[in-house]
Amino acid sequence: MKIKLPKNPSLVTLPPKAELAILLIKAELKNLKFINDLTQKGIDASAGLSDLSELILAVVGFNGGTTDEIHEWYCQRQLKLTENIDPSDGKALWKQAFYFYVDLINKKREWDAGG
């Protein structure tokens, strides 16, 4: 399912919890992209990698604990989203963070349903 973002984002009000999750995701995607770019240039920047996954997953509602499978899916999805983004393009980064949030909500529903 592809969700279309509104042309005028000020017309949409997100719940504070969703906004927090999206802002955290955006910060983590930006950081991951930066670290990956440095690594590709031969610079070990892994010490600067922030891992907000536990916080993000808790904000989204994975309160009952997560599994290695969820973390693996989370990391793979995150890497996919950062492949072609420009961290200086705030709008594109926000869009990717929003899509990742929607993916997390869908994954939570799937996980809650036992899948």
C-alpha atoms as a PDB file:
ATOM      1  CA  MET A   1       0.000   0.000   0.000  1.00  0.00           C
ATOM      2  CA  LYS A   2       1.442   3.340  -1.035  1.00  0.00           C
ATOM      3  CA  ILE A   3       0.394   6.317   1.078  1.00  0.00           C
ATOM      4  CA  LYS A   4       0.381   9.687  -0.607  1.00  0.00           C
ATOM      5  CA  LEU A   5       1.579  12.598   1.451  1.00  0.00           C
ATOM      6  CA  PRO A   6      -0.621  15.676   1.368  1.00  0.00           C
ATOM      7  CA  LYS A   7       0.519  18.578  -0.804  1.00  0.00           C
ATOM      8  CA  ASN A   8       0.170  20.909   2.164  1.00  0.00           C
ATOM      9  CA  PRO A   9       1.468  19.077   5.259  1.00  0.00           C
ATOM     10  CA  SER A  10       0.159  21.812   7.555  1.00  0.00           C
ATOM     11  CA  LEU A  11      -3.351  20.519   6.819  1.00  0.00           C
ATOM     12  CA  VAL A  12      -2.552  17.261   8.577  1.00  0.00           C
ATOM     13  CA  THR A  13      -2.109  17.060  12.323  1.00  0.00           C
ATOM     14  CA  LEU A  14      -0.359  13.995  13.612  1.00  0.00           C
ATOM     15  CA  PRO A  15      -0.723  12.770  17.173  1.00  0.00           C
ATOM     16  CA  PRO A  16       2.240  13.871  19.337  1.00  0.00           C
ATOM     17  CA  LYS A  17       3.373  10.252  19.722  1.00  0.00           C
ATOM     18  CA  ALA A  18       3.531   9.830  15.931  1.00  0.00           C
ATOM     19  CA  GLU A  19       5.386  13.131  15.520  1.00  0.00           C
ATOM     20  CA  LEU A  20       7.912  12.052  18.142  1.00  0.00           C
ATOM     21  CA  ALA A  21       8.451   8.708  16.428  1.00  0.00           C
ATOM     22  CA  ILE A  22       8.904  10.365  13.021  1.00  0.00           C
ATOM     23  CA  LEU A  23      11.368  12.923  14.399  1.00  0.00           C
ATOM     24  CA  LEU A  24      13.398  10.155  16.070  1.00  0.00           C
ATOM     25  CA  ILE A  25      13.330   8.082  12.887  1.00  0.00           C
ATOM     26  CA  LYS A  26      14.424  11.087  10.830  1.00  0.00           C
ATOM     27  CA  ALA A  27      17.371  11.723  13.169  1.00  0.00           C
ATOM     28  CA  GLU A  28      18.385   8.072  13.083  1.00  0.00           C
ATOM     29  CA  LEU A  29      18.128   7.833   9.277  1.00  0.00           C
ATOM     30  CA  LYS A  30      20.227  10.957   8.870  1.00  0.00           C
ATOM     31  CA  ASN A  31      22.851   9.634  11.278  1.00  0.00           C
ATOM     32  CA  LEU A  32      22.919   6.208   9.628  1.00  0.00           C
ATOM     33  CA  LYS A  33      23.322   7.727   6.162  1.00  0.00           C
ATOM     34  CA  PHE A  34      26.214   9.884   7.396  1.00  0.00           C
ATOM     35  CA  ILE A  35      27.967   6.949   9.071  1.00  0.00           C
ATOM     36  CA  ASN A  36      27.455   4.697   6.024  1.00  0.00           C
ATOM     37  CA  ASP A  37      28.837   7.373   3.685  1.00  0.00           C
ATOM     38  CA  LEU A  38      31.940   7.758   5.864  1.00  0.00           C
ATOM     39  CA  THR A  39      32.382   3.982   6.023  1.00  0.00           C
ATOM     40  CA  GLN A  40      32.205   3.747   2.215  1.00  0.00           C
ATOM     41  CA  LYS A  41      35.033   6.297   2.063  1.00  0.00           C
ATOM     42  CA  GLY A  42      37.153   4.103   4.334  1.00  0.00           C
ATOM     43  CA  ILE A  43      36.580   5.992   7.577  1.00  0.00           C
ATOM     44  CA  ASP A  44      35.509   3.961  10.609  1.00  0.00           C
ATOM     45  CA  ALA A  45      32.800   6.116  12.135  1.00  0.00           C
ATOM     46  CA  SER A  46      30.889   3.329  13.848  1.00  0.00           C
ATOM     47  CA  ALA A  47      31.496   4.923  17.258  1.00  0.00           C
ATOM     48  CA  GLY A  48      29.259   7.795  16.163  1.00  0.00           C
ATOM     49  CA  LEU A  49      26.325   5.571  15.263  1.00  0.00           C
ATOM     50  CA  SER A  50      23.258   6.302  17.328  1.00  0.00           C
ATOM     51  CA  ASP A  51      20.873   3.440  17.975  1.00  0.00           C
ATOM     52  CA  LEU A  52      17.427   4.754  18.766  1.00  0.00           C
ATOM     53  CA  SER A  53      15.671   1.562  17.714  1.00  0.00           C
ATOM     54  CA  GLU A  54      14.525   0.514  21.206  1.00  0.00           C
ATOM     55  CA  LEU A  55      13.121   3.994  21.881  1.00  0.00           C
ATOM     56  CA  ILE A  56      11.445   4.214  18.472  1.00  0.00           C
ATOM     57  CA  LEU A  57       9.958   0.737  18.770  1.00  0.00           C
ATOM     58  CA  ALA A  58       8.612   1.588  22.242  1.00  0.00           C
ATOM     59  CA  VAL A  59       7.062   4.851  21.016  1.00  0.00           C
ATOM     60  CA  VAL A  60       5.412   2.990  18.126  1.00  0.00           C
ATOM     61  CA  GLY A  61       3.981   0.484  20.586  1.00  0.00           C
ATOM     62  CA  PHE A  62       6.246  -2.550  20.672  1.00  0.00           C
ATOM     63  CA  ASN A  63       5.922  -2.527  24.450  1.00  0.00           C
ATOM     64  CA  GLY A  64       5.864  -6.262  25.002  1.00  0.00           C
ATOM     65  CA  GLY A  65       9.463  -6.616  23.964  1.00  0.00           C
ATOM     66  CA  THR A  66      10.873  -7.242  20.547  1.00  0.00           C
ATOM     67  CA  THR A  67      12.529 -10.176  18.915  1.00  0.00           C
ATOM     68  CA  ASP A  68      15.706 -10.559  16.902  1.00  0.00           C
ATOM     69  CA  GLU A  69      13.442 -10.930  13.875  1.00  0.00           C
ATOM     70  CA  ILE A  70      11.906  -7.477  14.481  1.00  0.00           C
ATOM     71  CA  HIS A  71      15.353  -5.910  14.944  1.00  0.00           C
ATOM     72  CA  GLU A  72      16.663  -7.584  11.803  1.00  0.00           C
ATOM     73  CA  TRP A  73      13.676  -6.343   9.813  1.00  0.00           C
ATOM     74  CA  TYR A  74      14.095  -2.854  11.351  1.00  0.00           C
ATOM     75  CA  CYS A  75      17.769  -2.625  10.393  1.00  0.00           C
ATOM     76  CA  GLN A  76      17.228  -3.964   6.869  1.00  0.00           C
ATOM     77  CA  ARG A  77      14.368  -1.527   6.255  1.00  0.00           C
ATOM     78  CA  GLN A  78      16.439   1.321   7.614  1.00  0.00           C
ATOM     79  CA  LEU A  79      19.374   0.494   5.339  1.00  0.00           C
ATOM     80  CA  LYS A  80      17.054   0.296   2.325  1.00  0.00           C
ATOM     81  CA  LEU A  81      15.602   3.729   3.087  1.00  0.00           C
ATOM     82  CA  THR A  82      19.016   5.353   3.466  1.00  0.00           C
ATOM     83  CA  GLU A  83      20.448   4.006   0.209  1.00  0.00           C
ATOM     84  CA  ASN A  84      19.270   6.838  -2.005  1.00  0.00           C
ATOM     85  CA  ILE A  85      18.568   9.760   0.289  1.00  0.00           C
ATOM     86  CA  ASP A  86      20.411  13.033   0.551  1.00  0.00           C
ATOM     87  CA  PRO A  87      20.694  13.909   4.254  1.00  0.00           C
ATOM     88  CA  SER A  88      20.690  17.607   3.408  1.00  0.00           C
ATOM     89  CA  ASP A  89      17.257  17.323   1.749  1.00  0.00           C
ATOM     90  CA  GLY A  90      15.002  17.759   4.775  1.00  0.00           C
ATOM     91  CA  LYS A  91      11.780  17.174   2.859  1.00  0.00           C
ATOM     92  CA  ALA A  92      12.939  13.875   1.354  1.00  0.00           C
ATOM     93  CA  LEU A  93      14.306  12.770   4.722  1.00  0.00           C
ATOM     94  CA  TRP A  94      11.010  13.608   6.429  1.00  0.00           C
ATOM     95  CA  LYS A  95       9.171  11.650   3.736  1.00  0.00           C
ATOM     96  CA  GLN A  96      11.368   8.579   4.256  1.00  0.00           C
ATOM     97  CA  ALA A  97      10.914   8.868   8.038  1.00  0.00           C
ATOM     98  CA  PHE A  98       7.143   9.047   7.567  1.00  0.00           C
ATOM     99  CA  TYR A  99       7.154   5.962   5.332  1.00  0.00           C
ATOM    100  CA  PHE A 100       9.296   4.102   7.843  1.00  0.00           C
ATOM    101  CA  TYR A 101       6.843   5.048  10.598  1.00  0.00           C
ATOM    102  CA  VAL A 102       3.968   3.647   8.508  1.00  0.00           C
ATOM    103  CA  ASP A 103       6.007   0.473   7.911  1.00  0.00           C
ATOM    104  CA  LEU A 104       6.575   0.155  11.668  1.00  0.00           C
ATOM    105  CA  ILE A 105       2.859   0.563  12.390  1.00  0.00           C
ATOM    106  CA  ASN A 106       2.054  -2.138   9.827  1.00  0.00           C
ATOM    107  CA  LYS A 107       4.766  -4.421  11.224  1.00  0.00           C
ATOM    108  CA  LYS A 108       3.358  -3.914  14.739  1.00  0.00           C
ATOM    109  CA  ARG A 109      -0.130  -4.882  13.556  1.00  0.00           C
ATOM    110  CA  GLU A 110       1.313  -7.960  11.871  1.00  0.00           C
ATOM    111  CA  TRP A 111       3.342  -8.820  14.988  1.00  0.00           C
ATOM    112  CA  ASP A 112       0.322  -8.313  17.292  1.00  0.00           C
ATOM    113  CA  ALA A 113      -1.702 -10.630  15.068  1.00  0.00           C
ATOM    114  CA  GLY A 114       0.879 -13.338  15.629  1.00  0.00           C
ATOM    115  CA  GLY A 115       2.616 -13.058  12.308  1.00  0.00           C
END
